[in-house]
Amino acid sequence: MNTEILVLYFARSAEITGLRSEHISVPQVLTSLQLWEELVKRHPRLCMLREQVILAVRQEYVVLGNQPVILQSGDEVAVIPPLSGG
């Protein structure tokens, strides 16, 4: 079963996608890595961030991997790439 979520893009991920946010439909239950792969399918250049990116689901950080994620309609998922320091 799929659910609609709001994806928020920050910093480099916003530059790559050309978007600040978008609504997408994804499976309601998936792993954090599968969620990332859903985003990369829509925006293949996001793969450049794979090793450094952090996802936040409902404002909770999620490490990419086999961690299960259960999404509800309207949930926010943030794509947070590393911030460059100076």
N, C-alpha and C. Protein backbone atom coordinates (compact mmCIF):
# COMPACT_ATOMS: atom_id res chain seq x y z
N MET A 1 0.84 -1.18 0.00
CA MET A 1 0.00 0.00 0.00
C MET A 1 0.89 1.25 0.00
N ASN A 2 0.55 2.21 -0.83
CA ASN A 2 1.34 3.44 -0.92
C ASN A 2 0.71 4.56 -0.11
N THR A 3 1.55 5.52 0.24
CA THR A 3 1.10 6.69 0.96
C THR A 3 1.80 7.91 0.39
N GLU A 4 1.17 9.07 0.49
CA GLU A 4 1.78 10.30 -0.03
C GLU A 4 2.50 11.03 1.09
N ILE A 5 3.76 11.39 0.81
CA ILE A 5 4.57 12.10 1.79
C ILE A 5 5.10 13.39 1.17
N LEU A 6 5.56 14.28 2.01
CA LEU A 6 6.18 15.52 1.57
C LEU A 6 7.69 15.39 1.79
N VAL A 7 8.44 15.53 0.71
CA VAL A 7 9.91 15.46 0.81
C VAL A 7 10.45 16.88 0.76
N LEU A 8 11.29 17.21 1.74
CA LEU A 8 11.93 18.52 1.83
C LEU A 8 13.40 18.36 1.48
N TYR A 9 13.87 19.19 0.56
CA TYR A 9 15.28 19.12 0.14
C TYR A 9 16.02 20.33 0.68
N PHE A 10 17.20 20.07 1.25
CA PHE A 10 18.00 21.13 1.83
C PHE A 10 19.38 21.18 1.18
N ALA A 11 19.98 22.38 1.17
CA ALA A 11 21.37 22.59 0.73
C ALA A 11 21.62 21.95 -0.64
N ARG A 12 22.62 21.10 -0.72
CA ARG A 12 23.04 20.50 -2.00
C ARG A 12 21.93 19.68 -2.64
N SER A 13 21.11 19.01 -1.84
CA SER A 13 20.03 18.21 -2.42
C SER A 13 19.00 19.10 -3.12
N ALA A 14 18.78 20.30 -2.62
CA ALA A 14 17.88 21.24 -3.28
C ALA A 14 18.49 21.74 -4.59
N GLU A 15 19.81 21.95 -4.59
CA GLU A 15 20.49 22.37 -5.83
C GLU A 15 20.39 21.27 -6.89
N ILE A 16 20.60 20.03 -6.48
CA ILE A 16 20.59 18.91 -7.42
C ILE A 16 19.20 18.69 -8.00
N THR A 17 18.17 18.73 -7.16
CA THR A 17 16.82 18.45 -7.65
C THR A 17 16.16 19.67 -8.27
N GLY A 18 16.64 20.86 -7.92
CA GLY A 18 15.99 22.08 -8.38
C GLY A 18 14.69 22.33 -7.62
N LEU A 19 14.50 21.63 -6.51
CA LEU A 19 13.27 21.74 -5.73
C LEU A 19 13.59 21.99 -4.26
N ARG A 20 12.67 22.67 -3.59
CA ARG A 20 12.75 22.78 -2.14
C ARG A 20 11.91 21.68 -1.50
N SER A 21 10.85 21.27 -2.22
CA SER A 21 9.98 20.22 -1.70
C SER A 21 9.16 19.63 -2.83
N GLU A 22 8.61 18.43 -2.57
CA GLU A 22 7.68 17.80 -3.51
C GLU A 22 6.89 16.73 -2.77
N HIS A 23 5.69 16.48 -3.25
CA HIS A 23 4.87 15.39 -2.74
C HIS A 23 5.12 14.17 -3.61
N ILE A 24 5.37 13.02 -2.98
CA ILE A 24 5.58 11.78 -3.73
C ILE A 24 4.79 10.66 -3.06
N SER A 25 4.53 9.61 -3.83
CA SER A 25 3.85 8.43 -3.31
C SER A 25 4.86 7.30 -3.19
N VAL A 26 4.96 6.72 -2.02
CA VAL A 26 5.91 5.63 -1.75
C VAL A 26 5.21 4.54 -0.95
N PRO A 27 5.79 3.33 -0.90
CA PRO A 27 5.21 2.29 -0.04
C PRO A 27 5.14 2.76 1.41
N GLN A 28 4.08 2.36 2.10
CA GLN A 28 3.88 2.79 3.48
C GLN A 28 4.94 2.21 4.41
N VAL A 29 5.39 0.98 4.12
CA VAL A 29 6.42 0.34 4.93
C VAL A 29 7.59 -0.01 4.03
N LEU A 30 8.76 0.50 4.37
CA LEU A 30 9.98 0.22 3.61
C LEU A 30 11.17 0.49 4.51
N THR A 31 12.36 0.13 4.04
CA THR A 31 13.55 0.45 4.84
C THR A 31 14.01 1.86 4.50
N SER A 32 14.84 2.41 5.35
CA SER A 32 15.36 3.76 5.08
C SER A 32 16.15 3.77 3.78
N LEU A 33 16.86 2.69 3.48
CA LEU A 33 17.61 2.61 2.22
C LEU A 33 16.66 2.56 1.03
N GLN A 34 15.57 1.82 1.13
CA GLN A 34 14.59 1.79 0.04
C GLN A 34 13.95 3.16 -0.17
N LEU A 35 13.71 3.88 0.92
CA LEU A 35 13.17 5.24 0.80
C LEU A 35 14.15 6.11 0.03
N TRP A 36 15.43 6.04 0.38
CA TRP A 36 16.47 6.79 -0.35
C TRP A 36 16.46 6.40 -1.83
N GLU A 37 16.36 5.10 -2.11
CA GLU A 37 16.37 4.64 -3.50
C GLU A 37 15.15 5.16 -4.27
N GLU A 38 14.02 5.31 -3.61
CA GLU A 38 12.84 5.91 -4.26
C GLU A 38 13.15 7.35 -4.68
N LEU A 39 13.86 8.08 -3.82
CA LEU A 39 14.21 9.47 -4.15
C LEU A 39 15.21 9.52 -5.30
N VAL A 40 16.18 8.60 -5.29
CA VAL A 40 17.19 8.57 -6.36
C VAL A 40 16.56 8.20 -7.70
N LYS A 41 15.53 7.35 -7.69
CA LYS A 41 14.81 7.02 -8.94
C LYS A 41 14.24 8.28 -9.56
N ARG A 42 13.72 9.17 -8.73
CA ARG A 42 13.12 10.42 -9.23
C ARG A 42 14.18 11.44 -9.62
N HIS A 43 15.30 11.42 -8.90
CA HIS A 43 16.37 12.41 -9.11
C HIS A 43 17.70 11.68 -9.09
N PRO A 44 18.09 11.04 -10.21
CA PRO A 44 19.29 10.18 -10.23
C PRO A 44 20.57 10.86 -9.72
N ARG A 45 20.70 12.17 -9.89
CA ARG A 45 21.93 12.84 -9.46
C ARG A 45 22.08 12.89 -7.94
N LEU A 46 21.00 12.61 -7.21
CA LEU A 46 21.11 12.55 -5.75
C LEU A 46 22.09 11.46 -5.31
N CYS A 47 22.33 10.47 -6.18
CA CYS A 47 23.23 9.38 -5.80
C CYS A 47 24.61 9.90 -5.39
N MET A 48 24.98 11.11 -5.85
CA MET A 48 26.27 11.70 -5.47
C MET A 48 26.37 11.93 -3.96
N LEU A 49 25.22 12.05 -3.30
CA LEU A 49 25.20 12.36 -1.86
C LEU A 49 25.10 11.11 -1.00
N ARG A 50 25.00 9.95 -1.60
CA ARG A 50 24.68 8.69 -0.90
C ARG A 50 25.52 8.47 0.37
N GLU A 51 26.82 8.71 0.30
CA GLU A 51 27.69 8.39 1.43
C GLU A 51 27.58 9.39 2.58
N GLN A 52 27.03 10.58 2.32
CA GLN A 52 27.01 11.60 3.37
C GLN A 52 25.61 12.02 3.81
N VAL A 53 24.59 11.64 3.05
CA VAL A 53 23.25 12.17 3.31
C VAL A 53 22.63 11.57 4.57
N ILE A 54 21.79 12.36 5.21
CA ILE A 54 20.98 11.92 6.34
C ILE A 54 19.52 12.19 5.98
N LEU A 55 18.66 11.26 6.29
CA LEU A 55 17.23 11.49 6.14
C LEU A 55 16.64 11.77 7.51
N ALA A 56 15.64 12.61 7.53
CA ALA A 56 14.88 12.82 8.76
C ALA A 56 13.42 12.53 8.44
N VAL A 57 12.84 11.61 9.19
CA VAL A 57 11.44 11.25 9.02
C VAL A 57 10.69 11.76 10.24
N ARG A 58 9.71 12.63 10.02
CA ARG A 58 8.99 13.28 11.13
C ARG A 58 9.98 13.92 12.12
N GLN A 59 11.00 14.55 11.57
CA GLN A 59 12.02 15.29 12.34
C GLN A 59 12.90 14.40 13.21
N GLU A 60 12.96 13.10 12.90
CA GLU A 60 13.86 12.17 13.59
C GLU A 60 14.89 11.68 12.58
N TYR A 61 16.17 11.79 12.91
CA TYR A 61 17.20 11.33 11.99
C TYR A 61 17.13 9.82 11.79
N VAL A 62 17.33 9.41 10.54
CA VAL A 62 17.29 8.00 10.17
C VAL A 62 18.55 7.68 9.37
N VAL A 63 19.29 6.67 9.80
CA VAL A 63 20.49 6.24 9.08
C VAL A 63 20.04 5.36 7.91
N LEU A 64 20.70 5.53 6.75
CA LEU A 64 20.37 4.70 5.59
C LEU A 64 20.78 3.26 5.87
N GLY A 65 19.87 2.34 5.65
CA GLY A 65 20.17 0.93 5.89
C GLY A 65 18.90 0.13 5.95
N ASN A 66 18.92 -0.93 6.75
CA ASN A 66 17.79 -1.85 6.84
C ASN A 66 16.77 -1.46 7.90
N GLN A 67 16.94 -0.28 8.47
CA GLN A 67 16.01 0.19 9.50
C GLN A 67 14.62 0.38 8.88
N PRO A 68 13.59 -0.29 9.43
CA PRO A 68 12.25 -0.12 8.85
C PRO A 68 11.70 1.28 9.12
N VAL A 69 11.00 1.81 8.14
CA VAL A 69 10.35 3.11 8.26
C VAL A 69 8.88 2.89 7.92
N ILE A 70 7.99 3.32 8.80
CA ILE A 70 6.56 3.22 8.56
C ILE A 70 6.04 4.64 8.37
N LEU A 71 5.53 4.90 7.18
CA LEU A 71 5.11 6.26 6.82
C LEU A 71 3.60 6.39 6.86
N GLN A 72 3.15 7.54 7.29
CA GLN A 72 1.73 7.89 7.28
C GLN A 72 1.52 9.00 6.25
N SER A 73 0.34 9.05 5.69
CA SER A 73 0.03 10.10 4.72
C SER A 73 0.32 11.47 5.32
N GLY A 74 1.05 12.30 4.57
CA GLY A 74 1.37 13.64 5.02
C GLY A 74 2.66 13.75 5.80
N ASP A 75 3.32 12.62 6.08
CA ASP A 75 4.60 12.68 6.79
C ASP A 75 5.62 13.51 6.01
N GLU A 76 6.49 14.17 6.74
CA GLU A 76 7.60 14.92 6.13
C GLU A 76 8.87 14.10 6.22
N VAL A 77 9.56 14.05 5.08
CA VAL A 77 10.88 13.41 5.01
C VAL A 77 11.85 14.47 4.53
N ALA A 78 12.87 14.76 5.30
CA ALA A 78 13.87 15.77 4.91
C ALA A 78 15.13 15.08 4.42
N VAL A 79 15.68 15.61 3.33
CA VAL A 79 16.95 15.12 2.78
C VAL A 79 18.01 16.15 3.19
N ILE A 80 18.91 15.72 4.06
CA ILE A 80 19.88 16.65 4.65
C ILE A 80 21.29 16.21 4.28
N PRO A 81 21.88 16.88 3.28
CA PRO A 81 23.26 16.57 2.93
C PRO A 81 24.20 17.22 3.94
N PRO A 82 25.47 16.83 3.90
CA PRO A 82 26.42 17.46 4.83
C PRO A 82 26.54 18.95 4.53
N LEU A 83 26.66 19.72 5.56
CA LEU A 83 26.87 21.17 5.38
C LEU A 83 28.36 21.42 5.29
N SER A 84 28.74 22.22 4.32
CA SER A 84 30.18 22.49 4.20
C SER A 84 30.58 23.53 5.22
N GLY A 85 31.67 23.26 5.89
CA GLY A 85 32.19 24.19 6.88
C GLY A 85 33.20 25.14 6.24
N GLY A 86 33.57 26.15 6.97
CA GLY A 86 34.50 27.08 6.36
C GLY A 86 35.37 27.75 7.37
